[in-house]
Amino acid sequence: LKKEGLLRELIRQINDLRKKAGLTPSDTVEIFLAVIAPSPSIPLPQGEGRVREMVKEFQKQLRKSALAQAVKIVDKPQETEWSQELELDNHEKLWIGLRRV
């Protein structure tokens, strides 16, 4: 249930970024995610593993809901057309990047 809640929050944040970028539903993107700071109670490798696990488990749903061709976990923020940092409810800090395909 926690993973599904984080997924919904992540999808909402990605769609907010799409809106700020002026993207339309016909614009397909690649999504890049990087864990900047894990939850204070979980060290980085495990915190990053939770994000990877969630993305792997819900890859299809995430791509469909965010109108994305691909979702990639990266080690650190990269050059993308649009990006933002966010803090999830569990206090993990993520970087999201979008690149139009």
C-alpha atoms as a PDB file:
ATOM      1  CA  LEU A   1       0.000   0.000   0.000  1.00  0.00           C
ATOM      2  CA  LYS A   2       2.866   2.386   0.808  1.00  0.00           C
ATOM      3  CA  LYS A   3       4.442   1.705  -2.586  1.00  0.00           C
ATOM      4  CA  GLU A   4       1.165   2.462  -4.346  1.00  0.00           C
ATOM      5  CA  GLY A   5       0.847   5.725  -2.417  1.00  0.00           C
ATOM      6  CA  LEU A   6       4.386   6.730  -3.415  1.00  0.00           C
ATOM      7  CA  LEU A   7       3.587   5.756  -7.004  1.00  0.00           C
ATOM      8  CA  ARG A   8       0.508   8.007  -7.080  1.00  0.00           C
ATOM      9  CA  GLU A   9       2.506  10.862  -5.607  1.00  0.00           C
ATOM     10  CA  LEU A  10       5.312  10.357  -8.124  1.00  0.00           C
ATOM     11  CA  ILE A  11       2.857  10.272 -11.048  1.00  0.00           C
ATOM     12  CA  ARG A  12       1.225  13.474  -9.804  1.00  0.00           C
ATOM     13  CA  GLN A  13       4.620  15.198  -9.552  1.00  0.00           C
ATOM     14  CA  ILE A  14       5.645  14.025 -13.031  1.00  0.00           C
ATOM     15  CA  ASN A  15       2.370  15.235 -14.526  1.00  0.00           C
ATOM     16  CA  ASP A  16       2.795  18.596 -12.757  1.00  0.00           C
ATOM     17  CA  LEU A  17       6.241  18.883 -14.357  1.00  0.00           C
ATOM     18  CA  ARG A  18       4.751  17.988 -17.765  1.00  0.00           C
ATOM     19  CA  LYS A  19       2.189  20.757 -17.290  1.00  0.00           C
ATOM     20  CA  LYS A  20       4.839  23.332 -16.268  1.00  0.00           C
ATOM     21  CA  ALA A  21       6.842  22.323 -19.351  1.00  0.00           C
ATOM     22  CA  GLY A  22       3.839  22.971 -21.582  1.00  0.00           C
ATOM     23  CA  LEU A  23       3.708  19.380 -22.799  1.00  0.00           C
ATOM     24  CA  THR A  24       0.478  18.026 -24.275  1.00  0.00           C
ATOM     25  CA  PRO A  25      -0.935  14.485 -24.016  1.00  0.00           C
ATOM     26  CA  SER A  26       0.424  13.792 -27.514  1.00  0.00           C
ATOM     27  CA  ASP A  27       4.000  14.570 -26.346  1.00  0.00           C
ATOM     28  CA  THR A  28       5.846  11.394 -25.379  1.00  0.00           C
ATOM     29  CA  VAL A  29       8.761  11.694 -22.963  1.00  0.00           C
ATOM     30  CA  GLU A  30      11.482   9.711 -21.279  1.00  0.00           C
ATOM     31  CA  ILE A  31      11.506  10.027 -17.491  1.00  0.00           C
ATOM     32  CA  PHE A  32      14.742  10.005 -15.517  1.00  0.00           C
ATOM     33  CA  LEU A  33      14.727   9.566 -11.728  1.00  0.00           C
ATOM     34  CA  ALA A  34      17.591   9.942  -9.251  1.00  0.00           C
ATOM     35  CA  VAL A  35      17.472   9.579  -5.473  1.00  0.00           C
ATOM     36  CA  ILE A  36      19.142  12.697  -4.058  1.00  0.00           C
ATOM     37  CA  ALA A  37      18.541  11.995  -0.377  1.00  0.00           C
ATOM     38  CA  PRO A  38      16.990   8.877   1.053  1.00  0.00           C
ATOM     39  CA  SER A  39      14.461   8.825   3.823  1.00  0.00           C
ATOM     40  CA  PRO A  40      16.251   9.902   7.044  1.00  0.00           C
ATOM     41  CA  SER A  41      15.563   6.491   8.561  1.00  0.00           C
ATOM     42  CA  ILE A  42      16.938   4.554   5.559  1.00  0.00           C
ATOM     43  CA  PRO A  43      20.516   4.794   4.249  1.00  0.00           C
ATOM     44  CA  LEU A  44      21.010   5.651   0.551  1.00  0.00           C
ATOM     45  CA  PRO A  45      21.582   2.224  -1.038  1.00  0.00           C
ATOM     46  CA  GLN A  46      18.409   0.837   0.557  1.00  0.00           C
ATOM     47  CA  GLY A  47      16.417   4.014  -0.073  1.00  0.00           C
ATOM     48  CA  GLU A  48      17.454   4.021  -3.698  1.00  0.00           C
ATOM     49  CA  GLY A  49      16.565   0.330  -3.849  1.00  0.00           C
ATOM     50  CA  ARG A  50      13.015   1.142  -2.729  1.00  0.00           C
ATOM     51  CA  VAL A  51      12.590   3.606  -5.587  1.00  0.00           C
ATOM     52  CA  ARG A  52      14.081   1.122  -8.067  1.00  0.00           C
ATOM     53  CA  GLU A  53      11.801  -1.607  -6.730  1.00  0.00           C
ATOM     54  CA  MET A  54       8.712   0.607  -7.025  1.00  0.00           C
ATOM     55  CA  VAL A  55       9.611   1.670 -10.584  1.00  0.00           C
ATOM     56  CA  LYS A  56      10.302  -1.924 -11.605  1.00  0.00           C
ATOM     57  CA  GLU A  57       7.074  -3.221 -10.067  1.00  0.00           C
ATOM     58  CA  PHE A  58       4.879  -0.446 -11.490  1.00  0.00           C
ATOM     59  CA  GLN A  59       6.826   0.335 -14.698  1.00  0.00           C
ATOM     60  CA  LYS A  60       3.878  -0.203 -17.042  1.00  0.00           C
ATOM     61  CA  GLN A  61       1.439   1.816 -14.920  1.00  0.00           C
ATOM     62  CA  LEU A  62       3.963   4.621 -14.464  1.00  0.00           C
ATOM     63  CA  ARG A  63       4.690   4.849 -18.199  1.00  0.00           C
ATOM     64  CA  LYS A  64       0.981   4.825 -19.066  1.00  0.00           C
ATOM     65  CA  SER A  65      -0.065   7.383 -16.429  1.00  0.00           C
ATOM     66  CA  ALA A  66       2.801   9.767 -17.201  1.00  0.00           C
ATOM     67  CA  LEU A  67       2.623   9.308 -20.997  1.00  0.00           C
ATOM     68  CA  ALA A  68       6.230   8.126 -21.079  1.00  0.00           C
ATOM     69  CA  GLN A  69       8.080   5.885 -23.484  1.00  0.00           C
ATOM     70  CA  ALA A  70      10.618   4.914 -20.810  1.00  0.00           C
ATOM     71  CA  VAL A  71      11.386   5.383 -17.119  1.00  0.00           C
ATOM     72  CA  LYS A  72      15.054   5.213 -16.155  1.00  0.00           C
ATOM     73  CA  ILE A  73      16.729   5.290 -12.767  1.00  0.00           C
ATOM     74  CA  VAL A  74      20.006   7.222 -12.934  1.00  0.00           C
ATOM     75  CA  ASP A  75      22.777   7.690 -10.382  1.00  0.00           C
ATOM     76  CA  LYS A  76      22.638  11.488 -10.404  1.00  0.00           C
ATOM     77  CA  PRO A  77      20.739  14.330 -12.085  1.00  0.00           C
ATOM     78  CA  GLN A  78      21.446  14.647 -15.803  1.00  0.00           C
ATOM     79  CA  GLU A  79      20.975  17.138 -18.615  1.00  0.00           C
ATOM     80  CA  THR A  80      17.309  17.004 -19.589  1.00  0.00           C
ATOM     81  CA  GLU A  81      14.895  19.475 -21.130  1.00  0.00           C
ATOM     82  CA  TRP A  82      12.902  19.838 -17.898  1.00  0.00           C
ATOM     83  CA  SER A  83      13.665  18.814 -14.336  1.00  0.00           C
ATOM     84  CA  GLN A  84      12.768  19.419 -10.726  1.00  0.00           C
ATOM     85  CA  GLU A  85      13.581  18.135  -7.284  1.00  0.00           C
ATOM     86  CA  LEU A  86      10.850  16.940  -4.977  1.00  0.00           C
ATOM     87  CA  GLU A  87      10.362  15.466  -1.564  1.00  0.00           C
ATOM     88  CA  LEU A  88       8.009  12.522  -1.225  1.00  0.00           C
ATOM     89  CA  ASP A  89       5.757  11.922   1.767  1.00  0.00           C
ATOM     90  CA  ASN A  90       8.344   9.510   3.182  1.00  0.00           C
ATOM     91  CA  HIS A  91      10.899  12.401   3.092  1.00  0.00           C
ATOM     92  CA  GLU A  92      12.969  10.903   0.277  1.00  0.00           C
ATOM     93  CA  LYS A  93      14.246  13.560  -2.095  1.00  0.00           C
ATOM     94  CA  LEU A  94      14.144  12.735  -5.781  1.00  0.00           C
ATOM     95  CA  TRP A  95      15.215  14.478  -8.932  1.00  0.00           C
ATOM     96  CA  ILE A  96      12.923  14.056 -11.936  1.00  0.00           C
ATOM     97  CA  GLY A  97      14.030  14.839 -15.456  1.00  0.00           C
ATOM     98  CA  LEU A  98      11.950  14.763 -18.642  1.00  0.00           C
ATOM     99  CA  ARG A  99      13.190  14.573 -22.206  1.00  0.00           C
ATOM    100  CA  ARG A 100      10.836  14.765 -25.170  1.00  0.00           C
ATOM    101  CA  VAL A 101      11.087  11.718 -27.436  1.00  0.00           C
END
